[in-house]
């Protein structure tokens, strides 16, 4: 959120140049991973970044094994 705040201050033309420059300096001190675009959706259990289900934040493999074991509430194997 700080990244977004500093970016909006830098773009605001009605503010004095010293304030805008200070905001730009503070923005440069932030790590690159602070950008929202750079955030990677990772599995909380295995750390895997590919095929992660957004609602449960688990990879498909972990979700499958936990659903088999009955760890996830409200999830059952389908049978028809």
N, C-alpha and C. Protein backbone atom coordinates (compact mmCIF):
# COMPACT_ATOMS: atom_id res chain seq x y z
N UNK A 1 0.81 -1.19 0.00
CA UNK A 1 0.00 0.00 0.00
C UNK A 1 0.86 1.26 0.00
N UNK A 2 2.02 1.19 0.65
CA UNK A 2 2.89 2.37 0.65
C UNK A 2 3.34 2.71 -0.76
N UNK A 3 3.60 1.67 -1.54
CA UNK A 3 4.04 1.88 -2.91
C UNK A 3 3.00 2.68 -3.69
N UNK A 4 1.74 2.31 -3.53
CA UNK A 4 0.65 2.99 -4.23
C UNK A 4 0.50 4.43 -3.74
N UNK A 5 0.64 4.63 -2.43
CA UNK A 5 0.53 5.97 -1.85
C UNK A 5 1.63 6.89 -2.38
N UNK A 6 2.87 6.41 -2.35
CA UNK A 6 3.98 7.22 -2.83
C UNK A 6 3.83 7.52 -4.32
N UNK A 7 3.35 6.56 -5.07
CA UNK A 7 3.16 6.75 -6.51
C UNK A 7 2.13 7.84 -6.78
N UNK A 8 1.05 7.86 -6.00
CA UNK A 8 0.03 8.88 -6.20
C UNK A 8 0.54 10.26 -5.81
N UNK A 9 1.39 10.34 -4.78
CA UNK A 9 1.97 11.63 -4.38
C UNK A 9 2.91 12.14 -5.46
N UNK A 10 3.70 11.26 -6.04
CA UNK A 10 4.65 11.66 -7.09
C UNK A 10 3.91 12.18 -8.31
N UNK A 11 2.77 11.60 -8.66
CA UNK A 11 2.01 12.01 -9.84
C UNK A 11 1.17 13.27 -9.64
N UNK A 12 0.94 13.66 -8.37
CA UNK A 12 0.10 14.81 -8.08
C UNK A 12 0.85 16.10 -8.41
N UNK A 13 0.39 16.81 -9.42
CA UNK A 13 1.08 18.02 -9.89
C UNK A 13 0.81 19.23 -9.01
N UNK A 14 -0.22 19.18 -8.16
CA UNK A 14 -0.55 20.34 -7.32
C UNK A 14 0.35 20.43 -6.08
N UNK A 15 1.06 19.37 -5.75
CA UNK A 15 1.96 19.38 -4.59
C UNK A 15 3.29 20.03 -4.97
N UNK A 16 3.99 20.60 -3.98
CA UNK A 16 5.31 21.18 -4.27
C UNK A 16 6.31 20.11 -4.70
N UNK A 17 7.29 20.52 -5.44
CA UNK A 17 8.27 19.59 -6.01
C UNK A 17 9.08 18.91 -4.90
N UNK A 18 9.30 19.60 -3.80
CA UNK A 18 10.09 19.00 -2.72
C UNK A 18 9.35 17.81 -2.09
N UNK A 19 8.04 17.94 -1.92
CA UNK A 19 7.25 16.84 -1.36
C UNK A 19 7.22 15.67 -2.34
N UNK A 20 7.05 15.98 -3.62
CA UNK A 20 7.01 14.93 -4.64
C UNK A 20 8.35 14.21 -4.73
N UNK A 21 9.44 14.95 -4.63
CA UNK A 21 10.77 14.36 -4.70
C UNK A 21 11.02 13.47 -3.48
N UNK A 22 10.58 13.92 -2.30
CA UNK A 22 10.74 13.13 -1.08
C UNK A 22 9.95 11.83 -1.19
N UNK A 23 8.74 11.90 -1.75
CA UNK A 23 7.93 10.70 -1.93
C UNK A 23 8.60 9.74 -2.91
N UNK A 24 9.21 10.28 -3.95
CA UNK A 24 9.93 9.45 -4.91
C UNK A 24 11.12 8.77 -4.26
N UNK A 25 11.81 9.51 -3.38
CA UNK A 25 12.94 8.93 -2.66
C UNK A 25 12.48 7.80 -1.73
N UNK A 26 11.39 8.02 -1.00
CA UNK A 26 10.86 6.99 -0.10
C UNK A 26 10.38 5.77 -0.88
N UNK A 27 9.81 6.00 -2.06
CA UNK A 27 9.36 4.89 -2.90
C UNK A 27 10.55 4.06 -3.38
N UNK A 28 11.66 4.70 -3.64
CA UNK A 28 12.84 3.98 -4.11
C UNK A 28 13.45 3.11 -3.00
N UNK A 29 13.19 3.44 -1.74
CA UNK A 29 13.72 2.65 -0.63
C UNK A 29 12.93 1.37 -0.39
N UNK A 30 11.70 1.30 -0.90
CA UNK A 30 10.87 0.11 -0.70
C UNK A 30 11.41 -1.06 -1.53
N UNK A 31 11.24 -2.28 -1.05
CA UNK A 31 11.68 -3.43 -1.84
C UNK A 31 10.80 -3.61 -3.07
N UNK A 32 11.32 -4.26 -4.07
CA UNK A 32 10.57 -4.46 -5.30
C UNK A 32 9.34 -5.33 -5.10
N UNK A 33 9.40 -6.21 -4.12
CA UNK A 33 8.28 -7.10 -3.89
C UNK A 33 7.10 -6.40 -3.23
N UNK A 34 7.25 -5.12 -2.88
CA UNK A 34 6.14 -4.40 -2.25
C UNK A 34 5.08 -4.00 -3.27
N UNK A 35 5.41 -4.10 -4.54
CA UNK A 35 4.43 -3.79 -5.58
C UNK A 35 3.36 -4.87 -5.62
N UNK A 36 2.10 -4.47 -5.81
CA UNK A 36 1.00 -5.42 -5.84
C UNK A 36 1.13 -6.36 -7.03
N UNK A 37 1.67 -5.86 -8.13
CA UNK A 37 1.80 -6.66 -9.34
C UNK A 37 2.82 -7.77 -9.15
N UNK A 38 3.81 -7.53 -8.32
CA UNK A 38 4.89 -8.49 -8.12
C UNK A 38 4.54 -9.61 -7.15
N UNK A 39 3.41 -9.49 -6.43
CA UNK A 39 3.04 -10.52 -5.47
C UNK A 39 2.68 -11.80 -6.20
N UNK A 40 3.16 -12.92 -5.70
CA UNK A 40 2.93 -14.22 -6.32
C UNK A 40 2.00 -15.01 -5.42
N UNK A 41 0.99 -15.61 -6.02
CA UNK A 41 0.05 -16.45 -5.29
C UNK A 41 0.72 -17.79 -5.00
N UNK A 42 1.02 -18.06 -3.72
CA UNK A 42 1.72 -19.29 -3.35
C UNK A 42 0.88 -20.14 -2.42
N UNK A 43 1.13 -21.44 -2.46
CA UNK A 43 0.47 -22.39 -1.57
C UNK A 43 1.01 -22.19 -0.16
N UNK A 44 0.11 -22.11 0.83
CA UNK A 44 0.55 -21.89 2.20
C UNK A 44 1.18 -23.14 2.80
N UNK A 45 0.90 -24.30 2.24
CA UNK A 45 1.41 -25.55 2.79
C UNK A 45 2.74 -25.96 2.16
N UNK A 46 2.82 -25.92 0.83
CA UNK A 46 4.01 -26.41 0.16
C UNK A 46 4.88 -25.31 -0.44
N UNK A 47 4.37 -24.10 -0.60
CA UNK A 47 5.13 -23.02 -1.18
C UNK A 47 5.11 -23.01 -2.70
N UNK A 48 4.36 -23.91 -3.30
CA UNK A 48 4.28 -24.02 -4.75
C UNK A 48 3.57 -22.80 -5.32
N UNK A 49 4.04 -22.28 -6.46
CA UNK A 49 3.44 -21.08 -7.03
C UNK A 49 2.56 -21.37 -8.25
N UNK A 50 2.61 -22.56 -8.79
CA UNK A 50 1.78 -22.89 -9.93
C UNK A 50 0.58 -23.70 -9.48
N UNK A 51 -0.56 -23.50 -10.15
CA UNK A 51 -1.81 -24.23 -9.88
C UNK A 51 -2.26 -24.09 -8.42
N UNK A 52 -2.34 -22.85 -7.95
CA UNK A 52 -2.81 -22.58 -6.59
C UNK A 52 -4.26 -22.14 -6.66
N UNK A 53 -5.13 -22.80 -5.88
CA UNK A 53 -6.53 -22.43 -5.81
C UNK A 53 -6.67 -21.18 -4.94
N UNK A 54 -7.31 -20.15 -5.47
CA UNK A 54 -7.35 -18.86 -4.78
C UNK A 54 -8.15 -18.89 -3.48
N UNK A 55 -9.27 -19.60 -3.48
CA UNK A 55 -10.13 -19.57 -2.29
C UNK A 55 -9.48 -20.20 -1.08
N UNK A 56 -8.80 -21.30 -1.26
CA UNK A 56 -8.21 -22.02 -0.12
C UNK A 56 -6.71 -21.79 0.01
N UNK A 57 -6.08 -21.15 -0.98
CA UNK A 57 -4.65 -20.87 -1.00
C UNK A 57 -3.81 -22.14 -0.86
N UNK A 58 -4.27 -23.19 -1.52
CA UNK A 58 -3.53 -24.46 -1.54
C UNK A 58 -3.29 -24.86 -2.98
N UNK A 59 -2.18 -25.56 -3.21
CA UNK A 59 -1.93 -26.08 -4.55
C UNK A 59 -2.88 -27.25 -4.80
N UNK A 60 -3.00 -27.63 -6.04
CA UNK A 60 -3.97 -28.68 -6.37
C UNK A 60 -3.61 -30.01 -5.75
N UNK A 61 -2.32 -30.27 -5.59
CA UNK A 61 -1.90 -31.54 -4.98
C UNK A 61 -2.23 -31.58 -3.50
N UNK A 62 -1.90 -30.52 -2.80
CA UNK A 62 -2.17 -30.46 -1.36
C UNK A 62 -3.68 -30.48 -1.11
N UNK A 63 -4.44 -29.75 -1.95
CA UNK A 63 -5.89 -29.73 -1.82
C UNK A 63 -6.46 -31.14 -2.00
N UNK A 64 -5.96 -31.86 -2.96
CA UNK A 64 -6.44 -33.21 -3.24
C UNK A 64 -6.18 -34.15 -2.07
N UNK A 65 -4.94 -34.13 -1.56
CA UNK A 65 -4.60 -35.03 -0.47
C UNK A 65 -5.34 -34.68 0.81
N UNK A 66 -5.50 -33.40 1.09
CA UNK A 66 -6.22 -32.99 2.30
C UNK A 66 -7.71 -33.30 2.19
N UNK A 67 -8.25 -33.21 0.97
CA UNK A 67 -9.66 -33.55 0.81
C UNK A 67 -9.87 -35.06 0.97
N UNK A 68 -8.91 -35.87 0.54
CA UNK A 68 -9.01 -37.31 0.73
C UNK A 68 -8.99 -37.68 2.22
N UNK A 69 -8.14 -36.97 2.97
CA UNK A 69 -8.01 -37.25 4.40
C UNK A 69 -9.16 -36.67 5.22
N UNK A 70 -9.97 -35.82 4.62
CA UNK A 70 -11.08 -35.22 5.33
C UNK A 70 -10.69 -34.04 6.19
N UNK A 71 -9.56 -33.42 5.88
CA UNK A 71 -9.08 -32.28 6.67
C UNK A 71 -9.86 -31.01 6.33
N UNK A 72 -10.23 -30.85 5.08
CA UNK A 72 -10.93 -29.63 4.65
C UNK A 72 -12.43 -29.76 4.93
N UNK A 73 -12.99 -28.85 5.71
CA UNK A 73 -14.42 -28.94 6.01
C UNK A 73 -15.27 -28.59 4.80
N UNK A 74 -16.31 -29.37 4.58
CA UNK A 74 -17.24 -29.10 3.48
C UNK A 74 -16.78 -29.62 2.13
N UNK A 75 -15.67 -30.34 2.08
CA UNK A 75 -15.16 -30.86 0.80
C UNK A 75 -15.23 -32.38 0.85
N UNK A 76 -15.87 -32.95 -0.16
CA UNK A 76 -15.99 -34.40 -0.27
C UNK A 76 -15.57 -34.83 -1.66
N UNK A 77 -15.18 -36.09 -1.76
CA UNK A 77 -14.92 -36.65 -3.09
C UNK A 77 -16.24 -36.84 -3.79
N UNK A 78 -16.25 -36.51 -5.05
CA UNK A 78 -17.51 -36.66 -5.79
C UNK A 78 -17.71 -38.11 -6.22
N UNK A 79 -18.95 -38.53 -6.16
CA UNK A 79 -19.29 -39.87 -6.64
C UNK A 79 -20.69 -39.80 -7.21
N UNK A 80 -20.84 -40.34 -8.42
CA UNK A 80 -22.17 -40.33 -9.03
C UNK A 80 -22.41 -41.58 -9.83
